[in-house]
Amino acid sequence: MDAGYEGPALTLRGEYLAQTRDGSGLPRDRGWYATGAYFVTRSLQAVGQYEYFDRPGVPAASRNRAWTAGGHWFPMRRDVRLTVEYISRRLGDPGVRAGQLLSQIQVRF
């Protein structure tokens, strides 16, 4: 199940997913995410996301919780995008938190 909204300045998206394994008798895997983005200026977009995924039928080390904060810069209309994001992820239960900085350039033609 997913939902989304995209306006001139604000974008919101979310999704919930789950799966079961036939005949296993294990609890179902489940997860969700929510993302929001807002154009601060015409060429700069702030982005935030939270995601959660849990597989209760396997060891707790597979639980994933993460938040992302970053931005997109569009120097030439929307055809070129520079993305910089910081992701803070906790794997397992109680889990260890680890951070990661990502950058990416995308060109659409």
PDB file of N, CA and C in Angstrom:
ATOM      1  N   MET A   1       0.851  -1.154   0.000  1.00  0.00           N
ATOM      2  CA  MET A   1       0.000   0.000   0.000  1.00  0.00           C
ATOM      3  C   MET A   1       0.905   1.227   0.000  1.00  0.00           C
ATOM      4  N   ASP A   2       0.602   2.195  -0.839  1.00  0.00           N
ATOM      5  CA  ASP A   2       1.391   3.411  -0.863  1.00  0.00           C
ATOM      6  C   ASP A   2       0.488   4.611  -1.082  1.00  0.00           C
ATOM      7  N   ALA A   3       1.024   5.773  -0.736  1.00  0.00           N
ATOM      8  CA  ALA A   3       0.296   7.021  -0.911  1.00  0.00           C
ATOM      9  C   ALA A   3       1.311   8.107  -1.207  1.00  0.00           C
ATOM     10  N   GLY A   4       0.852   9.146  -1.884  1.00  0.00           N
ATOM     11  CA  GLY A   4       1.760  10.231  -2.193  1.00  0.00           C
ATOM     12  C   GLY A   4       1.026  11.492  -2.570  1.00  0.00           C
ATOM     13  N   TYR A   5       1.744  12.585  -2.431  1.00  0.00           N
ATOM     14  CA  TYR A   5       1.249  13.898  -2.828  1.00  0.00           C
ATOM     15  C   TYR A   5       2.429  14.645  -3.432  1.00  0.00           C
ATOM     16  N   GLU A   6       2.206  15.294  -4.570  1.00  0.00           N
ATOM     17  CA  GLU A   6       3.247  16.109  -5.172  1.00  0.00           C
ATOM     18  C   GLU A   6       2.644  17.435  -5.595  1.00  0.00           C
ATOM     19  N   GLY A   7       3.049  18.484  -4.899  1.00  0.00           N
ATOM     20  CA  GLY A   7       2.590  19.826  -5.214  1.00  0.00           C
ATOM     21  C   GLY A   7       3.724  20.637  -5.805  1.00  0.00           C
ATOM     22  N   PRO A   8       3.517  21.920  -5.999  1.00  0.00           N
ATOM     23  CA  PRO A   8       4.558  22.748  -6.599  1.00  0.00           C
ATOM     24  C   PRO A   8       5.821  22.846  -5.733  1.00  0.00           C
ATOM     25  N   ALA A   9       5.682  22.835  -4.409  1.00  0.00           N
ATOM     26  CA  ALA A   9       6.845  22.971  -3.526  1.00  0.00           C
ATOM     27  C   ALA A   9       7.025  21.764  -2.605  1.00  0.00           C
ATOM     28  N   LEU A  10       5.946  21.093  -2.253  1.00  0.00           N
ATOM     29  CA  LEU A  10       5.976  20.018  -1.258  1.00  0.00           C
ATOM     30  C   LEU A  10       5.678  18.669  -1.903  1.00  0.00           C
ATOM     31  N   THR A  11       6.479  17.655  -1.541  1.00  0.00           N
ATOM     32  CA  THR A  11       6.243  16.283  -1.973  1.00  0.00           C
ATOM     33  C   THR A  11       6.228  15.391  -0.740  1.00  0.00           C
ATOM     34  N   LEU A  12       5.225  14.529  -0.635  1.00  0.00           N
ATOM     35  CA  LEU A  12       5.108  13.569   0.461  1.00  0.00           C
ATOM     36  C   LEU A  12       4.867  12.191  -0.136  1.00  0.00           C
ATOM     37  N   ARG A  13       5.561  11.185   0.377  1.00  0.00           N
ATOM     38  CA  ARG A  13       5.365   9.814  -0.087  1.00  0.00           C
ATOM     39  C   ARG A  13       5.488   8.876   1.097  1.00  0.00           C
ATOM     40  N   GLY A  14       4.757   7.776   1.028  1.00  0.00           N
ATOM     41  CA  GLY A  14       4.854   6.748   2.050  1.00  0.00           C
ATOM     42  C   GLY A  14       4.425   5.412   1.494  1.00  0.00           C
ATOM     43  N   GLU A  15       4.926   4.356   2.114  1.00  0.00           N
ATOM     44  CA  GLU A  15       4.587   3.012   1.659  1.00  0.00           C
ATOM     45  C   GLU A  15       4.668   2.052   2.843  1.00  0.00           C
ATOM     46  N   TYR A  16       3.752   1.094   2.868  1.00  0.00           N
ATOM     47  CA  TYR A  16       3.768   0.010   3.837  1.00  0.00           C
ATOM     48  C   TYR A  16       3.803  -1.289   3.042  1.00  0.00           C
ATOM     49  N   LEU A  17       4.651  -2.232   3.467  1.00  0.00           N
ATOM     50  CA  LEU A  17       4.706  -3.508   2.775  1.00  0.00           C
ATOM     51  C   LEU A  17       4.846  -4.629   3.791  1.00  0.00           C
ATOM     52  N   ALA A  18       4.383  -5.813   3.388  1.00  0.00           N
ATOM     53  CA  ALA A  18       4.461  -6.999   4.240  1.00  0.00           C
ATOM     54  C   ALA A  18       4.496  -8.229   3.360  1.00  0.00           C
ATOM     55  N   GLN A  19       5.094  -9.302   3.883  1.00  0.00           N
ATOM     56  CA  GLN A  19       5.097 -10.564   3.143  1.00  0.00           C
ATOM     57  C   GLN A  19       5.032 -11.722   4.126  1.00  0.00           C
ATOM     58  N   THR A  20       4.438 -12.809   3.668  1.00  0.00           N
ATOM     59  CA  THR A  20       4.403 -14.038   4.451  1.00  0.00           C
ATOM     60  C   THR A  20       5.046 -15.149   3.635  1.00  0.00           C
ATOM     61  N   ARG A  21       5.469 -16.176   4.326  1.00  0.00           N
ATOM     62  CA  ARG A  21       6.045 -17.341   3.661  1.00  0.00           C
ATOM     63  C   ARG A  21       5.072 -18.497   3.835  1.00  0.00           C
ATOM     64  N   ASP A  22       4.612 -19.036   2.729  1.00  0.00           N
ATOM     65  CA  ASP A  22       3.629 -20.111   2.771  1.00  0.00           C
ATOM     66  C   ASP A  22       4.152 -21.293   3.571  1.00  0.00           C
ATOM     67  N   GLY A  23       3.321 -21.771   4.501  1.00  0.00           N
ATOM     68  CA  GLY A  23       3.623 -22.983   5.240  1.00  0.00           C
ATOM     69  C   GLY A  23       4.729 -22.878   6.271  1.00  0.00           C
ATOM     70  N   SER A  24       5.330 -21.716   6.444  1.00  0.00           N
ATOM     71  CA  SER A  24       6.445 -21.610   7.386  1.00  0.00           C
ATOM     72  C   SER A  24       5.969 -21.409   8.819  1.00  0.00           C
ATOM     73  N   GLY A  25       4.800 -20.818   8.986  1.00  0.00           N
ATOM     74  CA  GLY A  25       4.299 -20.531  10.324  1.00  0.00           C
ATOM     75  C   GLY A  25       4.999 -19.367  10.993  1.00  0.00           C
ATOM     76  N   LEU A  26       5.928 -18.712  10.295  1.00  0.00           N
ATOM     77  CA  LEU A  26       6.655 -17.572  10.857  1.00  0.00           C
ATOM     78  C   LEU A  26       5.827 -16.300  10.738  1.00  0.00           C
ATOM     79  N   PRO A  27       6.037 -15.347  11.657  1.00  0.00           N
ATOM     80  CA  PRO A  27       5.347 -14.057  11.518  1.00  0.00           C
ATOM     81  C   PRO A  27       5.761 -13.372  10.211  1.00  0.00           C
ATOM     82  N   ARG A  28       4.911 -12.508   9.711  1.00  0.00           N
ATOM     83  CA  ARG A  28       5.198 -11.868   8.429  1.00  0.00           C
ATOM     84  C   ARG A  28       6.241 -10.756   8.579  1.00  0.00           C
ATOM     85  N   ASP A  29       7.030 -10.590   7.524  1.00  0.00           N
ATOM     86  CA  ASP A  29       7.954  -9.466   7.437  1.00  0.00           C
ATOM     87  C   ASP A  29       7.120  -8.221   7.162  1.00  0.00           C
ATOM     88  N   ARG A  30       7.578  -7.088   7.676  1.00  0.00           N
ATOM     89  CA  ARG A  30       6.812  -5.856   7.461  1.00  0.00           C
ATOM     90  C   ARG A  30       7.741  -4.658   7.525  1.00  0.00           C
ATOM     91  N   GLY A  31       7.340  -3.618   6.835  1.00  0.00           N
ATOM     92  CA  GLY A  31       8.134  -2.402   6.854  1.00  0.00           C
ATOM     93  C   GLY A  31       7.370  -1.244   6.270  1.00  0.00           C
ATOM     94  N   TRP A  32       7.912  -0.061   6.459  1.00  0.00           N
ATOM     95  CA  TRP A  32       7.288   1.139   5.919  1.00  0.00           C
ATOM     96  C   TRP A  32       8.337   2.234   5.794  1.00  0.00           C
ATOM     97  N   TYR A  33       8.024   3.239   5.003  1.00  0.00           N
ATOM     98  CA  TYR A  33       8.845   4.443   4.948  1.00  0.00           C
ATOM     99  C   TYR A  33       7.948   5.652   4.709  1.00  0.00           C
ATOM    100  N   ALA A  34       8.447   6.804   5.116  1.00  0.00           N
ATOM    101  CA  ALA A  34       7.783   8.075   4.858  1.00  0.00           C
ATOM    102  C   ALA A  34       8.850   9.068   4.421  1.00  0.00           C
ATOM    103  N   THR A  35       8.571   9.789   3.345  1.00  0.00           N
ATOM    104  CA  THR A  35       9.510  10.749   2.782  1.00  0.00           C
ATOM    105  C   THR A  35       8.812  12.084   2.593  1.00  0.00           C
ATOM    106  N   GLY A  36       9.525  13.151   2.882  1.00  0.00           N
ATOM    107  CA  GLY A  36       9.033  14.494   2.623  1.00  0.00           C
ATOM    108  C   GLY A  36      10.124  15.319   1.974  1.00  0.00           C
ATOM    109  N   ALA A  37       9.747  16.152   1.021  1.00  0.00           N
ATOM    110  CA  ALA A  37      10.699  17.031   0.358  1.00  0.00           C
ATOM    111  C   ALA A  37      10.028  18.383   0.147  1.00  0.00           C
ATOM    112  N   TYR A  38      10.827  19.439   0.300  1.00  0.00           N
ATOM    113  CA  TYR A  38      10.275  20.791   0.174  1.00  0.00           C
ATOM    114  C   TYR A  38      11.282  21.684  -0.544  1.00  0.00           C
ATOM    115  N   PHE A  39      10.821  22.407  -1.573  1.00  0.00           N
ATOM    116  CA  PHE A  39      11.679  23.341  -2.290  1.00  0.00           C
ATOM    117  C   PHE A  39      11.830  24.611  -1.454  1.00  0.00           C
ATOM    118  N   VAL A  40      13.036  24.801  -0.917  1.00  0.00           N
ATOM    119  CA  VAL A  40      13.352  25.985  -0.128  1.00  0.00           C
ATOM    120  C   VAL A  40      13.524  27.183  -1.054  1.00  0.00           C
ATOM    121  N   THR A  41      14.166  26.956  -2.183  1.00  0.00           N
ATOM    122  CA  THR A  41      14.270  27.947  -3.257  1.00  0.00           C
ATOM    123  C   THR A  41      13.905  27.217  -4.553  1.00  0.00           C
ATOM    124  N   ARG A  42      13.964  27.907  -5.672  1.00  0.00           N
ATOM    125  CA  ARG A  42      13.619  27.254  -6.948  1.00  0.00           C
ATOM    126  C   ARG A  42      14.576  26.120  -7.302  1.00  0.00           C
ATOM    127  N   SER A  43      15.819  26.175  -6.815  1.00  0.00           N
ATOM    128  CA  SER A  43      16.793  25.163  -7.199  1.00  0.00           C
ATOM    129  C   SER A  43      17.296  24.306  -6.035  1.00  0.00           C
ATOM    130  N   LEU A  44      16.811  24.529  -4.822  1.00  0.00           N
ATOM    131  CA  LEU A  44      17.281  23.777  -3.654  1.00  0.00           C
ATOM    132  C   LEU A  44      16.110  23.120  -2.937  1.00  0.00           C
ATOM    133  N   GLN A  45      16.182  21.796  -2.801  1.00  0.00           N
ATOM    134  CA  GLN A  45      15.110  21.018  -2.187  1.00  0.00           C
ATOM    135  C   GLN A  45      15.654  20.298  -0.951  1.00  0.00           C
ATOM    136  N   ALA A  46      15.025  20.492   0.199  1.00  0.00           N
ATOM    137  CA  ALA A  46      15.371  19.779   1.427  1.00  0.00           C
ATOM    138  C   ALA A  46      14.578  18.467   1.461  1.00  0.00           C
ATOM    139  N   VAL A  47      15.233  17.384   1.905  1.00  0.00           N
ATOM    140  CA  VAL A  47      14.616  16.057   1.891  1.00  0.00           C
ATOM    141  C   VAL A  47      14.835  15.374   3.240  1.00  0.00           C
ATOM    142  N   GLY A  48      13.796  14.691   3.722  1.00  0.00           N
ATOM    143  CA  GLY A  48      13.897  13.885   4.933  1.00  0.00           C
ATOM    144  C   GLY A  48      13.142  12.589   4.751  1.00  0.00           C
ATOM    145  N   GLN A  49      13.638  11.517   5.364  1.00  0.00           N
ATOM    146  CA  GLN A  49      12.978  10.210   5.237  1.00  0.00           C
ATOM    147  C   GLN A  49      13.214   9.384   6.499  1.00  0.00           C
ATOM    148  N   TYR A  50      12.216   8.573   6.855  1.00  0.00           N
ATOM    149  CA  TYR A  50      12.374   7.575   7.908  1.00  0.00           C
ATOM    150  C   TYR A  50      11.918   6.238   7.337  1.00  0.00           C
ATOM    151  N   GLU A  51      12.662   5.169   7.639  1.00  0.00           N
ATOM    152  CA  GLU A  51      12.275   3.846   7.163  1.00  0.00           C
ATOM    153  C   GLU A  51      12.443   2.826   8.286  1.00  0.00           C
ATOM    154  N   TYR A  52      11.601   1.808   8.234  1.00  0.00           N
ATOM    155  CA  TYR A  52      11.599   0.749   9.243  1.00  0.00           C
ATOM    156  C   TYR A  52      11.292  -0.563   8.539  1.00  0.00           C
ATOM    157  N   PHE A  53      12.082  -1.600   8.834  1.00  0.00           N
ATOM    158  CA  PHE A  53      11.836  -2.917   8.270  1.00  0.00           C
ATOM    159  C   PHE A  53      12.140  -3.955   9.338  1.00  0.00           C
ATOM    160  N   ASP A  54      11.252  -4.916   9.512  1.00  0.00           N
ATOM    161  CA  ASP A  54      11.407  -5.929  10.554  1.00  0.00           C
ATOM    162  C   ASP A  54      11.054  -7.296  10.002  1.00  0.00           C
ATOM    163  N   ARG A  55      11.879  -8.278  10.332  1.00  0.00           N
ATOM    164  CA  ARG A  55      11.627  -9.678   9.967  1.00  0.00           C
ATOM    165  C   ARG A  55      11.579 -10.474  11.266  1.00  0.00           C
ATOM    166  N   PRO A  56      10.437 -10.510  11.954  1.00  0.00           N
ATOM    167  CA  PRO A  56      10.365 -11.145  13.264  1.00  0.00           C
ATOM    168  C   PRO A  56      10.607 -12.653  13.246  1.00  0.00           C
ATOM    169  N   GLY A  57      10.535 -13.291  12.099  1.00  0.00           N
ATOM    170  CA  GLY A  57      10.750 -14.731  12.024  1.00  0.00           C
ATOM    171  C   GLY A  57      12.210 -15.134  11.942  1.00  0.00           C
ATOM    172  N   VAL A  58      13.103 -14.165  11.851  1.00  0.00           N
ATOM    173  CA  VAL A  58      14.543 -14.440  11.787  1.00  0.00           C
ATOM    174  C   VAL A  58      15.217 -13.651  12.908  1.00  0.00           C
ATOM    175  N   PRO A  59      16.494 -13.869  13.159  1.00  0.00           N
ATOM    176  CA  PRO A  59      17.139 -13.155  14.264  1.00  0.00           C
ATOM    177  C   PRO A  59      16.929 -11.645  14.201  1.00  0.00           C
ATOM    178  N   ALA A  60      16.918 -11.024  15.382  1.00  0.00           N
ATOM    179  CA  ALA A  60      16.647  -9.585  15.480  1.00  0.00           C
ATOM    180  C   ALA A  60      17.692  -8.739  14.771  1.00  0.00           C
ATOM    181  N   ALA A  61      18.800  -9.328  14.369  1.00  0.00           N
ATOM    182  CA  ALA A  61      19.837  -8.573  13.676  1.00  0.00           C
ATOM    183  C   ALA A  61      19.354  -8.031  12.338  1.00  0.00           C
ATOM    184  N   SER A  62      18.231  -8.526  11.823  1.00  0.00           N
ATOM    185  CA  SER A  62      17.746  -8.063  10.522  1.00  0.00           C
ATOM    186  C   SER A  62      16.854  -6.826  10.625  1.00  0.00           C
ATOM    187  N   ARG A  63      16.502  -6.385  11.828  1.00  0.00           N
ATOM    188  CA  ARG A  63      15.653  -5.190  11.957  1.00  0.00           C
ATOM    189  C   ARG A  63      16.432  -3.963  11.485  1.00  0.00           C
ATOM    190  N   ASN A  64      15.810  -3.134  10.672  1.00  0.00           N
ATOM    191  CA  ASN A  64      16.450  -1.968  10.094  1.00  0.00           C
ATOM    192  C   ASN A  64      15.611  -0.731  10.390  1.00  0.00           C
ATOM    193  N   ARG A  65      16.232   0.257  11.014  1.00  0.00           N
ATOM    194  CA  ARG A  65      15.591   1.546  11.249  1.00  0.00           C
ATOM    195  C   ARG A  65      16.574   2.612  10.784  1.00  0.00           C
ATOM    196  N   ALA A  66      16.111   3.536   9.965  1.00  0.00           N
ATOM    197  CA  ALA A  66      17.026   4.541   9.424  1.00  0.00           C
ATOM    198  C   ALA A  66      16.307   5.854   9.191  1.00  0.00           C
ATOM    199  N   TRP A  67      17.039   6.939   9.366  1.00  0.00           N
ATOM    200  CA  TRP A  67      16.538   8.250   8.955  1.00  0.00           C
ATOM    201  C   TRP A  67      17.561   8.877   8.032  1.00  0.00           C
ATOM    202  N   THR A  68      17.055   9.662   7.110  1.00  0.00           N
ATOM    203  CA  THR A  68      17.882  10.322   6.111  1.00  0.00           C
ATOM    204  C   THR A  68      17.532  11.800   6.097  1.00  0.00           C
ATOM    205  N   ALA A  69      18.564  12.634   6.033  1.00  0.00           N
ATOM    206  CA  ALA A  69      18.374  14.076   5.881  1.00  0.00           C
ATOM    207  C   ALA A  69      19.337  14.545   4.800  1.00  0.00           C
ATOM    208  N   GLY A  70      18.851  15.388   3.920  1.00  0.00           N
ATOM    209  CA  GLY A  70      19.732  15.844   2.857  1.00  0.00           C
ATOM    210  C   GLY A  70      19.078  16.884   1.991  1.00  0.00           C
ATOM    211  N   GLY A  71      19.656  17.045   0.827  1.00  0.00           N
ATOM    212  CA  GLY A  71      19.133  18.034  -0.091  1.00  0.00           C
ATOM    213  C   GLY A  71      19.472  17.699  -1.530  1.00  0.00           C
ATOM    214  N   HIS A  72      18.681  18.283  -2.419  1.00  0.00           N
ATOM    215  CA  HIS A  72      18.906  18.176  -3.861  1.00  0.00           C
ATOM    216  C   HIS A  72      19.135  19.591  -4.386  1.00  0.00           C
ATOM    217  N   TRP A  73      20.138  19.733  -5.224  1.00  0.00           N
ATOM    218  CA  TRP A  73      20.388  21.007  -5.884  1.00  0.00           C
ATOM    219  C   TRP A  73      20.220  20.797  -7.372  1.00  0.00           C
ATOM    220  N   PHE A  74      19.400  21.625  -7.992  1.00  0.00           N
ATOM    221  CA  PHE A  74      19.110  21.560  -9.427  1.00  0.00           C
ATOM    222  C   PHE A  74      19.741  22.787 -10.103  1.00  0.00           C
ATOM    223  N   PRO A  75      21.004  22.687 -10.562  1.00  0.00           N
ATOM    224  CA  PRO A  75      21.664  23.857 -11.137  1.00  0.00           C
ATOM    225  C   PRO A  75      21.138  24.241 -12.519  1.00  0.00           C
ATOM    226  N   MET A  76      20.548  23.289 -13.258  1.00  0.00           N
ATOM    227  CA  MET A  76      20.037  23.540 -14.608  1.00  0.00           C
ATOM    228  C   MET A  76      18.648  22.931 -14.730  1.00  0.00           C
ATOM    229  N   ARG A  77      17.657  23.710 -14.478  1.00  0.00           N
ATOM    230  CA  ARG A  77      16.279  23.206 -14.493  1.00  0.00           C
ATOM    231  C   ARG A  77      16.189  21.936 -13.663  1.00  0.00           C
ATOM    232  N   ARG A  78      15.464  20.929 -14.143  1.00  0.00           N
ATOM    233  CA  ARG A  78      15.340  19.666 -13.406  1.00  0.00           C
ATOM    234  C   ARG A  78      16.084  18.530 -14.097  1.00  0.00           C
ATOM    235  N   ASP A  79      16.886  18.843 -15.117  1.00  0.00           N
ATOM    236  CA  ASP A  79      17.597  17.809 -15.866  1.00  0.00           C
ATOM    237  C   ASP A  79      18.886  17.351 -15.183  1.00  0.00           C
ATOM    238  N   VAL A  80      19.439  18.178 -14.321  1.00  0.00           N
ATOM    239  CA  VAL A  80      20.667  17.842 -13.595  1.00  0.00           C
ATOM    240  C   VAL A  80      20.392  18.023 -12.112  1.00  0.00           C
ATOM    241  N   ARG A  81      20.775  17.007 -11.333  1.00  0.00           N
ATOM    242  CA  ARG A  81      20.520  17.058  -9.890  1.00  0.00           C
ATOM    243  C   ARG A  81      21.748  16.573  -9.131  1.00  0.00           C
ATOM    244  N   LEU A  82      22.175  17.342  -8.157  1.00  0.00           N
ATOM    245  CA  LEU A  82      23.217  16.933  -7.227  1.00  0.00           C
ATOM    246  C   LEU A  82      22.533  16.633  -5.901  1.00  0.00           C
ATOM    247  N   THR A  83      22.753  15.427  -5.392  1.00  0.00           N
ATOM    248  CA  THR A  83      22.138  14.990  -4.145  1.00  0.00           C
ATOM    249  C   THR A  83      23.216  14.775  -3.097  1.00  0.00           C
ATOM    250  N   VAL A  84      22.987  15.297  -1.902  1.00  0.00           N
ATOM    251  CA  VAL A  84      23.851  15.035  -0.756  1.00  0.00           C
ATOM    252  C   VAL A  84      22.937  14.611   0.386  1.00  0.00           C
ATOM    253  N   GLU A  85      23.227  13.441   0.982  1.00  0.00           N
ATOM    254  CA  GLU A  85      22.382  12.896   2.045  1.00  0.00           C
ATOM    255  C   GLU A  85      23.239  12.326   3.167  1.00  0.00           C
ATOM    256  N   TYR A  86      22.739  12.448   4.372  1.00  0.00           N
ATOM    257  CA  TYR A  86      23.328  11.762   5.514  1.00  0.00           C
ATOM    258  C   TYR A  86      22.307  10.728   5.974  1.00  0.00           C
ATOM    259  N   ILE A  87      22.745   9.480   6.086  1.00  0.00           N
ATOM    260  CA  ILE A  87      21.867   8.381   6.505  1.00  0.00           C
ATOM    261  C   ILE A  87      22.373   7.847   7.830  1.00  0.00           C
ATOM    262  N   SER A  88      21.488   7.782   8.807  1.00  0.00           N
ATOM    263  CA  SER A  88      21.802   7.194  10.102  1.00  0.00           C
ATOM    264  C   SER A  88      20.973   5.922  10.231  1.00  0.00           C
ATOM    265  N   ARG A  89      21.650   4.777  10.297  1.00  0.00           N
ATOM    266  CA  ARG A  89      20.967   3.485  10.263  1.00  0.00           C
ATOM    267  C   ARG A  89      21.288   2.689  11.523  1.00  0.00           C
ATOM    268  N   ARG A  90      20.252   2.049  12.081  1.00  0.00           N
ATOM    269  CA  ARG A  90      20.424   1.142  13.207  1.00  0.00           C
ATOM    270  C   ARG A  90      19.966  -0.237  12.761  1.00  0.00           C
ATOM    271  N   LEU A  91      20.895  -1.188  12.750  1.00  0.00           N
ATOM    272  CA  LEU A  91      20.590  -2.566  12.374  1.00  0.00           C
ATOM    273  C   LEU A  91      20.589  -3.429  13.620  1.00  0.00           C
ATOM    274  N   GLY A  92      19.584  -4.310  13.740  1.00  0.00           N
ATOM    275  CA  GLY A  92      19.500  -5.220  14.867  1.00  0.00           C
ATOM    276  C   GLY A  92      18.690  -4.649  16.006  1.00  0.00           C
ATOM    277  N   ASP A  93      18.595  -5.434  17.067  1.00  0.00           N
ATOM    278  CA  ASP A  93      17.837  -5.021  18.237  1.00  0.00           C
ATOM    279  C   ASP A  93      18.612  -5.412  19.482  1.00  0.00           C
ATOM    280  N   PRO A  94      19.158  -4.536  20.285  1.00  0.00           N
ATOM    281  CA  PRO A  94      18.897  -3.101  20.257  1.00  0.00           C
ATOM    282  C   PRO A  94      19.588  -2.383  19.108  1.00  0.00           C
ATOM    283  N   GLY A  95      20.625  -2.952  18.573  1.00  0.00           N
ATOM    284  CA  GLY A  95      21.236  -2.399  17.371  1.00  0.00           C
ATOM    285  C   GLY A  95      22.355  -1.420  17.629  1.00  0.00           C
ATOM    286  N   VAL A  96      23.153  -1.270  16.618  1.00  0.00           N
ATOM    287  CA  VAL A  96      24.255  -0.328  16.617  1.00  0.00           C
ATOM    288  C   VAL A  96      23.982   0.684  15.519  1.00  0.00           C
ATOM    289  N   ARG A  97      24.105   1.963  15.865  1.00  0.00           N
ATOM    290  CA  ARG A  97      23.846   3.018  14.893  1.00  0.00           C
ATOM    291  C   ARG A  97      25.128   3.335  14.132  1.00  0.00           C
ATOM    292  N   ALA A  98      24.979   3.498  12.817  1.00  0.00           N
ATOM    293  CA  ALA A  98      26.101   3.869  11.954  1.00  0.00           C
ATOM    294  C   ALA A  98      25.623   4.928  10.974  1.00  0.00           C
ATOM    295  N   GLY A  99      26.476   5.897  10.703  1.00  0.00           N
ATOM    296  CA  GLY A  99      26.134   6.972   9.781  1.00  0.00           C
ATOM    297  C   GLY A  99      26.894   6.845   8.480  1.00  0.00           C
ATOM    298  N   GLN A 100      26.319   7.428   7.443  1.00  0.00           N
ATOM    299  CA  GLN A 100      26.910   7.346   6.113  1.00  0.00           C
ATOM    300  C   GLN A 100      26.546   8.624   5.351  1.00  0.00           C
ATOM    301  N   LEU A 101      27.524   9.204   4.683  1.00  0.00           N
ATOM    302  CA  LEU A 101      27.298  10.382   3.863  1.00  0.00           C
ATOM    303  C   LEU A 101      27.366   9.956   2.402  1.00  0.00           C
ATOM    304  N   LEU A 102      26.334  10.301   1.638  1.00  0.00           N
ATOM    305  CA  LEU A 102      26.269   9.928   0.223  1.00  0.00           C
ATOM    306  C   LEU A 102      26.103  11.177  -0.627  1.00  0.00           C
ATOM    307  N   SER A 103      26.718  11.157  -1.789  1.00  0.00           N
ATOM    308  CA  SER A 103      26.471  12.203  -2.781  1.00  0.00           C
ATOM    309  C   SER A 103      26.335  11.548  -4.144  1.00  0.00           C
ATOM    310  N   GLN A 104      25.570  12.194  -4.999  1.00  0.00           N
ATOM    311  CA  GLN A 104      25.270  11.605  -6.302  1.00  0.00           C
ATOM    312  C   GLN A 104      24.916  12.718  -7.278  1.00  0.00           C
ATOM    313  N   ILE A 105      25.331  12.543  -8.519  1.00  0.00           N
ATOM    314  CA  ILE A 105      24.932  13.441  -9.592  1.00  0.00           C
ATOM    315  C   ILE A 105      24.066  12.645 -10.567  1.00  0.00           C
ATOM    316  N   GLN A 106      22.912  13.186 -10.901  1.00  0.00           N
ATOM    317  CA  GLN A 106      22.011  12.535 -11.863  1.00  0.00           C
ATOM    318  C   GLN A 106      21.767  13.492 -13.030  1.00  0.00           C
ATOM    319  N   VAL A 107      21.831  12.944 -14.227  1.00  0.00           N
ATOM    320  CA  VAL A 107      21.561  13.700 -15.446  1.00  0.00           C
ATOM    321  C   VAL A 107      20.467  12.981 -16.211  1.00  0.00           C
ATOM    322  N   ARG A 108      19.430  13.704 -16.560  1.00  0.00           N
ATOM    323  CA  ARG A 108      18.323  13.127 -17.317  1.00  0.00           C
ATOM    324  C   ARG A 108      18.348  13.696 -18.728  1.00  0.00           C
ATOM    325  N   PHE A 109      18.312  12.792 -19.705  1.00  0.00           N
ATOM    326  CA  PHE A 109      18.294  13.233 -21.104  1.00  0.00           C
ATOM    327  C   PHE A 109      17.427  12.325 -21.924  1.00  0.00           C
TER     328      PHE A 109
END
